[in-house]
C-alpha cells in the first residue's frame, strides 16, 4: 500500500514538476509562461506614431494579462505541490516517530517483566 502511494505521488510530482517554476538566487520565475512581454515605448514624434504606440500598448496589455494569468496559475500549482509534499513528509516522519515510540514502549514493557 505504501509503495503504491509513493508511486502515485511520484507520478503526480513528475507531472506537475514539468510546469513548475524555477528558483534562481532566491527569485522564483515561471517556467511555462514564455518570456514576459516587453513594455512598449510611447512615440511622441507624430500623431500617427503616437497612435501606433497606443496600439502596441493595447497589444502589450493583452499579452501581459495572459502572462500574469499563467504566472498565477503556475505559482498556485507550485504552492500546492510544495504544501502537499511538505505535509506528506511530515506525516511520514510522524509515523516513523510513532512507530519507534511504540517499539520502545513495547521493549521497555517486555524488559520490565523480566
C-alpha atoms as a PDB file:
ATOM      1  CA  UNK A   1       0.000   0.000   0.000  1.00  0.00           C
ATOM      2  CA  UNK A   2       2.743   2.458   0.937  1.00  0.00           C
ATOM      3  CA  UNK A   3       4.684   1.604  -2.215  1.00  0.00           C
ATOM      4  CA  UNK A   4       1.588   2.270  -4.344  1.00  0.00           C
ATOM      5  CA  UNK A   5       1.006   5.583  -2.594  1.00  0.00           C
ATOM      6  CA  UNK A   6       4.651   6.566  -3.064  1.00  0.00           C
ATOM      7  CA  UNK A   7       4.490   5.587  -6.746  1.00  0.00           C
ATOM      8  CA  UNK A   8       1.318   7.634  -7.268  1.00  0.00           C
ATOM      9  CA  UNK A   9       2.850  10.625  -5.501  1.00  0.00           C
ATOM     10  CA  UNK A  10       5.988  10.303  -7.629  1.00  0.00           C
ATOM     11  CA  UNK A  11       3.922  10.266 -10.815  1.00  0.00           C
ATOM     12  CA  UNK A  12       1.983  13.330  -9.693  1.00  0.00           C
ATOM     13  CA  UNK A  13       5.197  15.121  -8.801  1.00  0.00           C
ATOM     14  CA  UNK A  14       6.698  14.310 -12.193  1.00  0.00           C
ATOM     15  CA  UNK A  15       3.593  15.530 -13.993  1.00  0.00           C
ATOM     16  CA  UNK A  16       3.374  18.783 -12.056  1.00  0.00           C
ATOM     17  CA  UNK A  17       7.104  19.444 -11.946  1.00  0.00           C
ATOM     18  CA  UNK A  18       7.206  19.658 -15.719  1.00  0.00           C
ATOM     19  CA  UNK A  19       5.438  23.007 -15.353  1.00  0.00           C
ATOM     20  CA  UNK A  20       6.993  24.020 -12.056  1.00  0.00           C
ATOM     21  CA  UNK A  21       8.656  27.380 -11.711  1.00  0.00           C
ATOM     22  CA  UNK A  22      12.371  27.881 -11.333  1.00  0.00           C
ATOM     23  CA  UNK A  23      14.129  29.342  -8.300  1.00  0.00           C
ATOM     24  CA  UNK A  24      17.413  31.068  -9.068  1.00  0.00           C
ATOM     25  CA  UNK A  25      19.290  33.105  -6.472  1.00  0.00           C
ATOM     26  CA  UNK A  26      16.188  33.213  -4.300  1.00  0.00           C
ATOM     27  CA  UNK A  27      13.933  34.531  -7.080  1.00  0.00           C
ATOM     28  CA  UNK A  28      11.028  32.436  -8.406  1.00  0.00           C
ATOM     29  CA  UNK A  29      10.103  32.616 -12.082  1.00  0.00           C
ATOM     30  CA  UNK A  30       7.511  30.630 -14.007  1.00  0.00           C
ATOM     31  CA  UNK A  31       8.885  28.097 -16.467  1.00  0.00           C
ATOM     32  CA  UNK A  32       5.879  27.504 -18.695  1.00  0.00           C
ATOM     33  CA  UNK A  33       4.682  31.039 -19.442  1.00  0.00           C
ATOM     34  CA  UNK A  34       7.203  32.147 -22.002  1.00  0.00           C
ATOM     35  CA  UNK A  35       9.011  35.446 -21.807  1.00  0.00           C
ATOM     36  CA  UNK A  36       7.458  38.390 -20.036  1.00  0.00           C
ATOM     37  CA  UNK A  37       6.213  40.845 -22.662  1.00  0.00           C
ATOM     38  CA  UNK A  38       8.439  43.900 -23.106  1.00  0.00           C
ATOM     39  CA  UNK A  39       6.947  47.241 -22.165  1.00  0.00           C
ATOM     40  CA  UNK A  40       6.416  49.359 -25.279  1.00  0.00           C
ATOM     41  CA  UNK A  41       7.685  52.907 -25.660  1.00  0.00           C
ATOM     42  CA  UNK A  42       5.345  55.798 -26.416  1.00  0.00           C
ATOM     43  CA  UNK A  43       6.470  57.566 -29.556  1.00  0.00           C
ATOM     44  CA  UNK A  44       5.513  61.242 -29.404  1.00  0.00           C
ATOM     45  CA  UNK A  45       7.061  62.101 -32.756  1.00  0.00           C
ATOM     46  CA  UNK A  46       3.748  62.474 -34.533  1.00  0.00           C
ATOM     47  CA  UNK A  47       0.075  61.714 -34.163  1.00  0.00           C
ATOM     48  CA  UNK A  48       0.450  58.608 -36.335  1.00  0.00           C
ATOM     49  CA  UNK A  49       3.463  57.397 -34.303  1.00  0.00           C
ATOM     50  CA  UNK A  50       1.537  58.053 -31.088  1.00  0.00           C
ATOM     51  CA  UNK A  51      -1.461  56.085 -32.376  1.00  0.00           C
ATOM     52  CA  UNK A  52       0.820  53.186 -33.299  1.00  0.00           C
ATOM     53  CA  UNK A  53       2.258  53.349 -29.767  1.00  0.00           C
ATOM     54  CA  UNK A  54      -1.233  53.093 -28.299  1.00  0.00           C
ATOM     55  CA  UNK A  55      -1.911  50.016 -30.457  1.00  0.00           C
ATOM     56  CA  UNK A  56       1.346  48.498 -29.195  1.00  0.00           C
ATOM     57  CA  UNK A  57       0.345  49.275 -25.597  1.00  0.00           C
ATOM     58  CA  UNK A  58      -3.055  47.622 -26.068  1.00  0.00           C
ATOM     59  CA  UNK A  59      -1.368  44.538 -27.515  1.00  0.00           C
ATOM     60  CA  UNK A  60       1.153  44.554 -24.652  1.00  0.00           C
ATOM     61  CA  UNK A  61      -1.656  44.766 -22.080  1.00  0.00           C
ATOM     62  CA  UNK A  62      -3.355  41.694 -23.540  1.00  0.00           C
ATOM     63  CA  UNK A  63      -0.099  39.731 -23.613  1.00  0.00           C
ATOM     64  CA  UNK A  64       0.774  40.897 -20.098  1.00  0.00           C
ATOM     65  CA  UNK A  65      -2.627  39.825 -18.778  1.00  0.00           C
ATOM     66  CA  UNK A  66      -2.156  36.372 -20.318  1.00  0.00           C
ATOM     67  CA  UNK A  67       1.383  36.152 -18.906  1.00  0.00           C
ATOM     68  CA  UNK A  68       0.155  37.235 -15.471  1.00  0.00           C
ATOM     69  CA  UNK A  69      -2.649  34.651 -15.534  1.00  0.00           C
ATOM     70  CA  UNK A  70      -0.151  31.934 -16.441  1.00  0.00           C
ATOM     71  CA  UNK A  71       2.220  33.125 -13.709  1.00  0.00           C
ATOM     72  CA  UNK A  72      -0.545  32.990 -11.095  1.00  0.00           C
ATOM     73  CA  UNK A  73      -1.664  29.535 -12.215  1.00  0.00           C
ATOM     74  CA  UNK A  74       1.884  28.184 -12.125  1.00  0.00           C
ATOM     75  CA  UNK A  75       2.650  29.811  -8.761  1.00  0.00           C
ATOM     76  CA  UNK A  76      -0.511  28.327  -7.255  1.00  0.00           C
ATOM     77  CA  UNK A  77       0.367  24.890  -8.643  1.00  0.00           C
ATOM     78  CA  UNK A  78       3.871  25.173  -7.174  1.00  0.00           C
ATOM     79  CA  UNK A  79       2.481  26.301  -3.813  1.00  0.00           C
ATOM     80  CA  UNK A  80       0.088  23.353  -3.763  1.00  0.00           C
ATOM     81  CA  UNK A  81       2.828  20.925  -4.737  1.00  0.00           C
ATOM     82  CA  UNK A  82       5.170  22.239  -2.056  1.00  0.00           C
ATOM     83  CA  UNK A  83       2.469  22.202   0.626  1.00  0.00           C
ATOM     84  CA  UNK A  84       1.381  18.658  -0.271  1.00  0.00           C
ATOM     85  CA  UNK A  85       4.966  17.386  -0.375  1.00  0.00           C
ATOM     86  CA  UNK A  86       5.727  19.001   2.988  1.00  0.00           C
ATOM     87  CA  UNK A  87       2.536  17.588   4.534  1.00  0.00           C
ATOM     88  CA  UNK A  88       3.312  14.123   3.176  1.00  0.00           C
ATOM     89  CA  UNK A  89       6.857  14.301   4.536  1.00  0.00           C
ATOM     90  CA  UNK A  90       5.608  15.461   7.935  1.00  0.00           C
ATOM     91  CA  UNK A  91       3.095  12.601   8.018  1.00  0.00           C
ATOM     92  CA  UNK A  92       5.843  10.127   7.111  1.00  0.00           C
ATOM     93  CA  UNK A  93       8.097  11.461   9.871  1.00  0.00           C
ATOM     94  CA  UNK A  94       5.225  11.451  12.377  1.00  0.00           C
ATOM     95  CA  UNK A  95       4.517   7.810  11.510  1.00  0.00           C
ATOM     96  CA  UNK A  96       8.203   6.932  11.950  1.00  0.00           C
ATOM     97  CA  UNK A  97       8.292   8.687  15.314  1.00  0.00           C
ATOM     98  CA  UNK A  98       5.093   6.938  16.415  1.00  0.00           C
ATOM     99  CA  UNK A  99       6.456   3.569  15.309  1.00  0.00           C
ATOM    100  CA  UNK A 100       9.749   3.956  17.175  1.00  0.00           C
ATOM    101  CA  UNK A 101       7.923   5.207  20.272  1.00  0.00           C
ATOM    102  CA  UNK A 102       5.619   2.162  20.186  1.00  0.00           C
ATOM    103  CA  UNK A 103       8.576  -0.194  19.691  1.00  0.00           C
ATOM    104  CA  UNK A 104      10.448   1.480  22.545  1.00  0.00           C
ATOM    105  CA  UNK A 105       7.431   1.205  24.852  1.00  0.00           C
ATOM    106  CA  UNK A 106       6.936  -2.451  23.921  1.00  0.00           C
ATOM    107  CA  UNK A 107      10.610  -3.229  24.533  1.00  0.00           C
ATOM    108  CA  UNK A 108      10.535  -1.428  27.875  1.00  0.00           C
ATOM    109  CA  UNK A 109       7.379  -3.285  28.926  1.00  0.00           C
ATOM    110  CA  UNK A 110       8.971  -6.594  27.976  1.00  0.00           C
ATOM    111  CA  UNK A 111      12.126  -5.811  29.908  1.00  0.00           C
ATOM    112  CA  UNK A 112      10.149  -4.572  32.943  1.00  0.00           C
ATOM    113  CA  UNK A 113       8.502  -8.043  33.171  1.00  0.00           C
ATOM    114  CA  UNK A 114      11.858  -9.782  33.478  1.00  0.00           C
END
